[in-house]
Amino acid sequence: MSSTLPDLSNEEIKRYSRHLIMPEVGVDGQRRLKGGSVLCIGAGGLGSPAAMYLAAAGVGRIGIVDFDVVDYSNLQRQIIHGTPDVGRSKLVSAKDRLLALNPHIQVDTYEEALSSENAFRLFEPYDVILDGTDNFPTRYLVNDACVLLGKPNTYGSIFRFEGQASVFGMKKGPCYRCLYPEPPPPGLVPSCAEGGVLGVLPGVIGVIQATEAIKLLTGVGEPLVGRFLLYDALKMRFRELKVPKDPDCPVCGTHPTVTTLIDYEQFCGVRPAAEASVVSVASNGFEITSVELKQRIDKGQPPRIVDVREPNEFQINRIPGAELIPLGELPRRYAELDATEELVVMCKMGGRSAKAADFLRSVGFTRVLNLKGGVLDWVDKVDPSQPKY
């Protein structure tokens, strides 16, 4: 943060009066906010409430990194966007909303995917990095870039009814790798798109992240350094875990081995989507497209279709004739299927059904195909009358 703090205008003094009368913030604290900057990685569930409260609080410069467009499924939780914004760039929508909320701030937008090539360039101008990502490769990338640049990382994560928050990357505190030295196996932890998320949950966690960023900028309070906050919305319970700094951490330890940004897709065992598509379709032929499946059905040669989603998802949309065997029940129910019969397994987008297909092959099923793109692709290309989720 600049050592020369900006002055507050009369209008800003009126706007921030409830801050100014608090001795912990006061005029000097508000000037620190005005002279401070936060980069939000993502304008989604976590980035939406965080950015809005940072803007309302008077953080002078807010950057947002995103390259997505607003979808109807975002509106249940991404409150920075509205129904008229569907189809618009999330960055354009977010910037309009933030400046409408507070015209005294600067909003920078970066319509690009965060990568090892651009992370240092994007992070360098900002005092605090707010991690609103939803995948492991980007979380490790944000962590490593923050540690290497000496930037605090206000971390948040959400899934279904549970959330997590902490502050990583401080000199005397741990980093994300101290808590999670290794990423989980690919596909073990479903995304929010696969597993769902309570709409208000990112509001709670995003506001906690914004709170930590404000505390760091003003220098007040006790930040979540070395403390890992767990929130259970169903039980309305907060718990806190102590996270010590790992002296053997490869990034922030006493003898670091990671001194530059690496290939995080490879580190997390995630193959790029385009490459995976080429391998799965071209080299093993274990997939079938929605159009191909429809052609088979129309010709009177339908394979047996097994839907491995959950019952509540099956109620939303389905392929006619598909039978439901949730993925978690498949190991004890696969005997209901004929190992010699041709099977097509399907789910929402193709991830869970790929696991189901692998399992079935491992127990002797030789004629198993995965529906590429899942039921969403079926709705897009075959039956648009059905809803998407």
Protein backbone atom coordinates (compact mmCIF):
# COMPACT_ATOMS: atom_id res chain seq x y z
CA MET A 1 0.00 0.00 0.00
CA SER A 2 1.22 3.49 -0.80
CA SER A 3 2.75 5.36 2.16
CA THR A 4 0.90 8.49 1.02
CA LEU A 5 -2.76 8.00 1.83
CA PRO A 6 -5.45 9.77 -0.22
CA ASP A 7 -7.73 12.30 1.41
CA LEU A 8 -11.47 11.79 1.73
CA SER A 9 -13.89 14.12 -0.01
CA ASN A 10 -16.86 15.56 1.82
CA GLU A 11 -19.12 13.14 -0.01
CA GLU A 12 -16.92 10.20 0.99
CA ILE A 13 -16.94 11.34 4.61
CA LYS A 14 -20.72 11.27 4.52
CA ARG A 15 -20.75 7.89 2.74
CA TYR A 16 -18.36 6.23 5.19
CA SER A 17 -19.54 8.00 8.34
CA ARG A 18 -20.41 4.75 10.14
CA HIS A 19 -16.78 3.68 9.67
CA LEU A 20 -15.34 7.03 10.67
CA ILE A 21 -17.04 7.10 14.07
CA MET A 22 -15.52 3.72 14.98
CA PRO A 23 -12.17 4.30 16.72
CA GLU A 24 -10.80 1.05 15.25
CA VAL A 25 -11.26 2.47 11.74
CA GLY A 26 -11.62 6.23 11.90
CA VAL A 27 -10.45 8.65 9.23
CA ASP A 28 -7.00 7.09 8.93
CA GLY A 29 -8.41 3.59 8.52
CA GLN A 30 -10.83 4.76 5.84
CA ARG A 31 -7.97 6.47 4.02
CA ARG A 32 -6.07 3.17 4.13
CA LEU A 33 -9.06 1.48 2.53
CA LYS A 34 -9.23 4.16 -0.15
CA GLY A 35 -5.52 3.77 -0.81
CA GLY A 36 -5.72 -0.04 -0.73
CA SER A 37 -6.36 -2.57 -3.46
CA VAL A 38 -7.79 -6.08 -3.67
CA LEU A 39 -7.73 -8.48 -6.62
CA CYS A 40 -10.71 -10.86 -6.69
CA ILE A 41 -10.06 -14.09 -8.55
CA GLY A 42 -13.49 -14.81 -9.97
CA ALA A 43 -16.80 -12.93 -10.16
CA GLY A 44 -18.85 -15.93 -9.12
CA GLY A 45 -20.33 -17.19 -5.87
CA LEU A 46 -17.55 -15.99 -3.57
CA GLY A 47 -16.33 -13.06 -5.63
CA SER A 48 -19.82 -11.54 -5.91
CA PRO A 49 -20.52 -10.76 -2.24
CA ALA A 50 -16.85 -10.11 -1.48
CA ALA A 51 -16.46 -7.53 -4.25
CA MET A 52 -19.72 -5.81 -3.38
CA TYR A 53 -18.80 -5.38 0.27
CA LEU A 54 -15.26 -4.28 -0.58
CA ALA A 55 -16.73 -1.66 -2.89
CA ALA A 56 -19.28 -0.54 -0.30
CA ALA A 57 -16.52 -0.31 2.32
CA GLY A 58 -14.52 2.04 0.11
CA VAL A 59 -11.57 -0.09 -1.01
CA GLY A 60 -10.11 2.26 -3.60
CA ARG A 61 -9.08 -0.23 -6.26
CA ILE A 62 -10.78 -3.55 -6.94
CA GLY A 63 -9.57 -5.88 -9.67
CA ILE A 64 -11.55 -8.85 -10.97
CA VAL A 65 -10.23 -11.77 -13.01
CA ASP A 66 -12.84 -13.80 -14.90
CA PHE A 67 -13.61 -14.90 -18.45
CA ASP A 68 -17.10 -16.36 -18.13
CA VAL A 69 -20.56 -15.08 -19.04
CA VAL A 70 -23.59 -14.87 -16.76
CA ASP A 71 -25.80 -17.95 -16.85
CA TYR A 72 -29.26 -18.46 -15.33
CA SER A 73 -27.78 -21.06 -12.96
CA ASN A 74 -25.49 -18.35 -11.51
CA LEU A 75 -28.33 -16.16 -10.26
CA GLN A 76 -29.18 -18.41 -7.31
CA ARG A 77 -26.00 -17.27 -5.53
CA GLN A 78 -23.95 -14.78 -7.61
CA ILE A 79 -25.75 -11.69 -6.37
CA ILE A 80 -23.57 -9.20 -8.22
CA HIS A 81 -25.45 -10.22 -11.40
CA GLY A 82 -29.15 -9.94 -12.24
CA THR A 83 -31.56 -11.49 -14.69
CA PRO A 84 -30.94 -8.79 -17.35
CA ASP A 85 -27.23 -9.71 -17.22
CA VAL A 86 -27.73 -13.28 -18.45
CA GLY A 87 -25.48 -13.75 -21.48
CA ARG A 88 -23.31 -10.72 -20.63
CA SER A 89 -19.68 -10.90 -19.64
CA LYS A 90 -19.41 -11.39 -15.88
CA LEU A 91 -16.75 -8.71 -15.79
CA VAL A 92 -18.94 -6.12 -17.50
CA SER A 93 -21.88 -7.02 -15.27
CA ALA A 94 -19.76 -6.90 -12.10
CA LYS A 95 -18.09 -3.61 -12.97
CA ASP A 96 -21.44 -1.94 -13.69
CA ARG A 97 -22.83 -3.14 -10.37
CA LEU A 98 -19.81 -2.09 -8.31
CA LEU A 99 -19.62 1.39 -9.80
CA ALA A 100 -23.36 1.82 -9.31
CA LEU A 101 -22.81 0.90 -5.68
CA ASN A 102 -19.81 3.19 -5.23
CA PRO A 103 -18.67 5.56 -7.99
CA HIS A 104 -15.68 6.68 -5.90
CA ILE A 105 -13.70 3.49 -6.50
CA GLN A 106 -11.66 2.15 -9.41
CA VAL A 107 -12.64 -1.23 -10.88
CA ASP A 108 -10.14 -3.05 -13.11
CA THR A 109 -11.23 -6.06 -15.12
CA TYR A 110 -9.09 -8.82 -16.61
CA GLU A 111 -10.96 -11.04 -19.05
CA GLU A 112 -8.49 -13.89 -19.13
CA ALA A 113 -7.97 -17.25 -17.49
CA LEU A 114 -5.54 -17.09 -14.60
CA SER A 115 -2.39 -19.04 -15.45
CA SER A 116 1.25 -19.45 -14.50
CA GLU A 117 2.08 -17.09 -17.35
CA ASN A 118 -0.01 -14.12 -16.17
CA ALA A 119 -0.38 -14.57 -12.38
CA PHE A 120 2.62 -12.43 -11.38
CA ARG A 121 1.57 -9.64 -13.76
CA LEU A 122 -1.99 -9.64 -12.43
CA PHE A 123 -1.13 -9.93 -8.73
CA GLU A 124 1.74 -7.44 -8.54
CA PRO A 125 -0.28 -4.16 -8.38
CA TYR A 126 -2.58 -5.33 -5.58
CA ASP A 127 -2.20 -5.39 -1.79
CA VAL A 128 -4.46 -8.39 -1.12
CA ILE A 129 -5.51 -11.34 -3.31
CA LEU A 130 -8.99 -12.76 -2.68
CA ASP A 131 -9.30 -16.36 -3.86
CA GLY A 132 -12.81 -17.06 -5.16
CA THR A 133 -11.83 -20.03 -7.33
CA ASP A 134 -13.56 -23.39 -7.47
CA ASN A 135 -10.87 -25.83 -8.61
CA PHE A 136 -7.65 -27.21 -7.17
CA PRO A 137 -5.18 -26.24 -9.91
CA THR A 138 -6.11 -22.57 -9.59
CA ARG A 139 -6.07 -22.68 -5.78
CA TYR A 140 -2.52 -23.99 -5.77
CA LEU A 141 -1.55 -21.43 -8.41
CA VAL A 142 -3.02 -18.55 -6.36
CA ASN A 143 -1.29 -19.82 -3.24
CA ASP A 144 2.13 -20.18 -4.82
CA ALA A 145 1.96 -16.83 -6.60
CA CYS A 146 0.96 -15.09 -3.36
CA VAL A 147 3.78 -16.69 -1.38
CA LEU A 148 6.39 -15.93 -4.03
CA LEU A 149 5.21 -12.30 -4.28
CA GLY A 150 4.67 -11.83 -0.55
CA LYS A 151 0.95 -11.11 -0.97
CA PRO A 152 -1.71 -12.17 1.57
CA ASN A 153 -4.29 -14.60 0.24
CA THR A 154 -7.80 -14.39 1.72
CA TYR A 155 -9.01 -17.89 0.96
CA GLY A 156 -12.54 -19.26 0.76
CA SER A 157 -14.10 -22.49 -0.41
CA ILE A 158 -17.70 -23.74 -0.57
CA PHE A 159 -19.53 -27.00 -1.27
CA ARG A 160 -23.17 -27.86 -0.69
CA PHE A 161 -23.80 -26.65 2.90
CA GLU A 162 -20.20 -26.24 4.07
CA GLY A 163 -17.63 -23.48 3.73
CA GLN A 164 -14.03 -22.78 4.69
CA ALA A 165 -12.02 -19.59 5.12
CA SER A 166 -8.52 -18.60 6.14
CA VAL A 167 -5.70 -16.16 5.37
CA PHE A 168 -2.64 -17.70 3.76
CA GLY A 169 0.68 -16.34 2.60
CA MET A 170 1.55 -14.07 5.53
CA LYS A 171 5.24 -14.14 6.50
CA LYS A 172 4.77 -15.85 9.86
CA GLY A 173 1.72 -17.87 8.88
CA PRO A 174 1.05 -21.02 6.87
CA CYS A 175 0.11 -21.24 3.22
CA TYR A 176 -2.45 -23.43 1.49
CA ARG A 177 0.17 -26.11 0.88
CA CYS A 178 0.88 -26.32 4.62
CA LEU A 179 -2.72 -27.46 5.03
CA TYR A 180 -3.01 -29.47 1.81
CA PRO A 181 0.49 -30.58 0.70
CA GLU A 182 -0.97 -32.71 -2.09
CA PRO A 183 -4.15 -32.24 -4.14
CA PRO A 184 -6.85 -34.91 -3.94
CA PRO A 185 -7.06 -37.45 -6.78
CA PRO A 186 -8.78 -35.98 -9.85
CA GLY A 187 -12.56 -36.31 -9.66
CA LEU A 188 -12.64 -37.28 -5.97
CA VAL A 189 -14.15 -33.95 -4.90
CA PRO A 190 -17.13 -32.99 -7.10
CA SER A 191 -17.54 -29.42 -8.21
CA CYS A 192 -20.48 -27.23 -7.19
CA ALA A 193 -21.92 -27.86 -10.65
CA GLU A 194 -21.96 -31.58 -9.87
CA GLY A 195 -22.70 -31.53 -6.14
CA GLY A 196 -24.66 -28.31 -5.73
CA VAL A 197 -24.33 -25.43 -3.28
CA LEU A 198 -26.78 -23.66 -0.97
CA GLY A 199 -27.38 -20.23 -2.51
CA VAL A 200 -26.66 -18.21 0.65
CA LEU A 201 -23.50 -20.15 1.56
CA PRO A 202 -21.08 -18.20 -0.68
CA GLY A 203 -22.55 -15.03 0.77
CA VAL A 204 -21.42 -16.05 4.25
CA ILE A 205 -17.94 -17.17 3.17
CA GLY A 206 -17.43 -14.34 0.66
CA VAL A 207 -18.26 -11.76 3.31
CA ILE A 208 -15.76 -13.42 5.68
CA GLN A 209 -13.12 -13.11 2.96
CA ALA A 210 -13.99 -9.45 2.45
CA THR A 211 -13.82 -8.89 6.20
CA GLU A 212 -10.32 -10.37 6.33
CA ALA A 213 -9.21 -8.22 3.39
CA ILE A 214 -10.53 -5.08 5.11
CA LYS A 215 -8.75 -6.02 8.36
CA LEU A 216 -5.49 -6.55 6.47
CA LEU A 217 -5.77 -3.20 4.69
CA THR A 218 -6.62 -1.25 7.84
CA GLY A 219 -4.35 -3.19 10.17
CA VAL A 220 -7.05 -3.80 12.76
CA GLY A 221 -8.18 -6.97 14.49
CA GLU A 222 -6.78 -10.48 14.38
CA PRO A 223 -6.77 -11.97 10.88
CA LEU A 224 -7.37 -15.66 10.19
CA VAL A 225 -3.65 -16.41 9.99
CA GLY A 226 -2.84 -19.89 11.25
CA ARG A 227 -6.54 -20.44 11.80
CA PHE A 228 -8.85 -22.40 9.50
CA LEU A 229 -12.53 -21.53 9.85
CA LEU A 230 -15.12 -24.21 9.06
CA TYR A 231 -18.80 -23.35 8.63
CA ASP A 232 -21.71 -25.81 8.55
CA ALA A 233 -24.88 -24.08 7.39
CA LEU A 234 -27.16 -27.04 8.21
CA LYS A 235 -26.09 -27.05 11.85
CA MET A 236 -25.36 -23.28 11.90
CA ARG A 237 -22.02 -24.00 13.48
CA PHE A 238 -18.56 -22.49 13.16
CA ARG A 239 -15.44 -24.42 14.12
CA GLU A 240 -11.82 -23.35 14.05
CA LEU A 241 -8.71 -25.44 13.43
CA LYS A 242 -5.17 -24.36 14.13
CA VAL A 243 -2.90 -24.62 11.09
CA PRO A 244 0.81 -24.33 11.86
CA LYS A 245 3.37 -23.17 9.35
CA ASP A 246 5.11 -26.25 7.93
CA PRO A 247 8.91 -25.75 7.98
CA ASP A 248 9.17 -28.39 5.25
CA CYS A 249 6.56 -26.76 2.98
CA PRO A 250 7.93 -26.73 -0.58
CA VAL A 251 6.75 -23.13 -1.09
CA CYS A 252 6.86 -21.25 2.22
CA GLY A 253 9.16 -23.53 4.23
CA THR A 254 12.74 -22.93 5.32
CA HIS A 255 14.16 -24.64 2.23
CA PRO A 256 11.61 -24.11 -0.55
CA THR A 257 11.81 -26.26 -3.66
CA VAL A 258 9.05 -24.44 -5.56
CA THR A 259 10.59 -21.10 -6.48
CA THR A 260 8.61 -20.38 -9.61
CA LEU A 261 5.13 -21.15 -10.88
CA ILE A 262 4.65 -24.64 -12.28
CA ASP A 263 2.15 -26.54 -14.43
CA TYR A 264 -0.74 -26.80 -11.95
CA GLU A 265 -2.97 -28.88 -14.20
CA GLN A 266 -0.24 -31.50 -14.27
CA PHE A 267 0.46 -31.11 -10.53
CA CYS A 268 -3.20 -31.83 -9.75
CA GLY A 269 -3.41 -34.65 -12.30
CA VAL A 270 -5.92 -32.81 -14.44
CA ARG A 271 -5.54 -33.35 -18.15
CA PRO A 272 -6.59 -30.36 -20.30
CA ALA A 273 -10.12 -30.89 -21.62
CA ALA A 274 -9.19 -30.80 -25.29
CA GLU A 275 -6.43 -33.37 -24.80
CA ALA A 276 -8.70 -35.61 -22.73
CA SER A 277 -11.35 -35.51 -25.43
CA VAL A 278 -8.89 -36.57 -28.08
CA VAL A 279 -7.62 -39.45 -25.97
CA SER A 280 -11.00 -40.77 -24.84
CA VAL A 281 -12.70 -40.59 -28.22
CA ALA A 282 -9.94 -41.21 -30.69
CA SER A 283 -7.83 -43.82 -28.93
CA ASN A 284 -10.27 -45.91 -26.91
CA GLY A 285 -13.73 -45.31 -28.39
CA PHE A 286 -15.39 -45.56 -24.98
CA GLU A 287 -17.77 -42.63 -25.55
CA ILE A 288 -20.97 -42.05 -27.45
CA THR A 289 -22.49 -38.67 -28.31
CA SER A 290 -26.08 -37.65 -27.66
CA VAL A 291 -26.78 -37.47 -31.40
CA GLU A 292 -25.37 -40.97 -31.93
CA LEU A 293 -27.45 -42.32 -29.05
CA LYS A 294 -30.61 -40.73 -30.46
CA GLN A 295 -29.90 -42.28 -33.86
CA ARG A 296 -29.57 -45.69 -32.25
CA ILE A 297 -32.85 -45.24 -30.41
CA ASP A 298 -34.66 -44.09 -33.58
CA LYS A 299 -33.39 -47.14 -35.45
CA GLY A 300 -34.88 -49.43 -32.83
CA GLN A 301 -31.45 -50.44 -31.54
CA PRO A 302 -31.35 -48.73 -28.16
CA PRO A 303 -28.67 -49.79 -25.70
CA ARG A 304 -29.53 -50.11 -22.03
CA ILE A 305 -29.13 -46.63 -20.52
CA VAL A 306 -28.02 -46.33 -16.89
CA ASP A 307 -28.29 -42.93 -15.21
CA VAL A 308 -25.83 -42.65 -12.29
CA ARG A 309 -27.07 -39.28 -10.97
CA GLU A 310 -28.91 -38.81 -7.69
CA PRO A 311 -32.71 -39.28 -7.49
CA ASN A 312 -33.33 -35.53 -7.05
CA GLU A 313 -31.41 -34.85 -10.29
CA PHE A 314 -33.36 -37.58 -12.09
CA GLN A 315 -36.54 -35.65 -11.26
CA ILE A 316 -35.29 -32.57 -13.16
CA ASN A 317 -34.63 -34.14 -16.54
CA ARG A 318 -33.82 -37.53 -18.02
CA ILE A 319 -33.35 -39.55 -21.17
CA PRO A 320 -36.48 -41.61 -21.91
CA GLY A 321 -35.97 -45.23 -20.95
CA ALA A 322 -32.98 -44.59 -18.69
CA GLU A 323 -32.90 -46.45 -15.39
CA LEU A 324 -31.52 -44.88 -12.24
CA ILE A 325 -28.63 -46.45 -10.32
CA PRO A 326 -26.79 -43.68 -8.42
CA LEU A 327 -23.02 -43.89 -8.63
CA GLY A 328 -22.67 -44.54 -4.89
CA GLU A 329 -24.99 -47.55 -5.16
CA LEU A 330 -23.38 -49.06 -8.25
CA PRO A 331 -20.80 -51.27 -6.45
CA ARG A 332 -23.61 -53.17 -4.68
CA ARG A 333 -26.14 -53.07 -7.52
CA TYR A 334 -24.15 -53.82 -10.66
CA ALA A 335 -25.40 -57.41 -10.52
CA GLU A 336 -28.76 -56.01 -11.68
CA LEU A 337 -27.09 -55.40 -15.05
CA ASP A 338 -26.16 -57.91 -17.73
CA ALA A 339 -22.40 -57.96 -18.33
CA THR A 340 -22.90 -59.05 -21.94
CA GLU A 341 -25.42 -56.33 -22.75
CA GLU A 342 -24.41 -53.04 -24.36
CA LEU A 343 -24.67 -50.25 -21.77
CA VAL A 344 -24.58 -46.47 -21.98
CA VAL A 345 -23.89 -44.78 -18.65
CA MET A 346 -24.77 -41.14 -18.18
CA CYS A 347 -24.82 -38.33 -15.59
CA LYS A 348 -25.13 -34.56 -15.69
CA MET A 349 -21.98 -33.70 -17.66
CA GLY A 350 -20.08 -36.98 -18.11
CA GLY A 351 -17.71 -37.01 -15.14
CA ARG A 352 -19.51 -39.35 -12.77
CA SER A 353 -20.57 -41.63 -15.59
CA ALA A 354 -16.94 -41.96 -16.71
CA LYS A 355 -16.13 -43.28 -13.23
CA ALA A 356 -19.11 -45.63 -13.46
CA ALA A 357 -17.94 -46.91 -16.83
CA ASP A 358 -14.43 -47.53 -15.49
CA PHE A 359 -15.87 -49.43 -12.52
CA LEU A 360 -18.11 -51.59 -14.69
CA ARG A 361 -15.20 -52.49 -16.96
CA SER A 362 -13.14 -53.43 -13.90
CA VAL A 363 -15.78 -56.01 -12.87
CA GLY A 364 -16.09 -57.61 -16.30
CA PHE A 365 -18.46 -55.46 -18.36
CA THR A 366 -17.01 -55.26 -21.86
CA ARG A 367 -19.64 -53.23 -23.74
CA VAL A 368 -19.86 -49.97 -21.81
CA LEU A 369 -20.04 -46.50 -23.34
CA ASN A 370 -20.03 -43.15 -21.54
CA LEU A 371 -22.47 -40.50 -22.76
CA LYS A 372 -20.26 -37.58 -23.70
CA GLY A 373 -21.47 -34.33 -22.11
CA GLY A 374 -24.17 -36.11 -20.12
CA VAL A 375 -27.82 -35.17 -20.00
CA LEU A 376 -26.98 -31.49 -20.52
CA ASP A 377 -25.62 -32.33 -23.95
CA TRP A 378 -28.76 -34.41 -24.62
CA VAL A 379 -30.94 -31.41 -23.79
CA ASP A 380 -28.81 -29.11 -25.97
CA LYS A 381 -28.70 -31.33 -29.04
CA VAL A 382 -31.63 -33.71 -28.84
CA ASP A 383 -34.44 -32.55 -26.55
CA PRO A 384 -34.33 -28.78 -25.80
CA SER A 385 -37.84 -28.95 -24.32
CA GLN A 386 -36.33 -30.31 -21.09
CA PRO A 387 -34.92 -27.95 -18.43
CA LYS A 388 -31.23 -27.62 -17.66
CA TYR A 389 -29.69 -27.26 -14.24
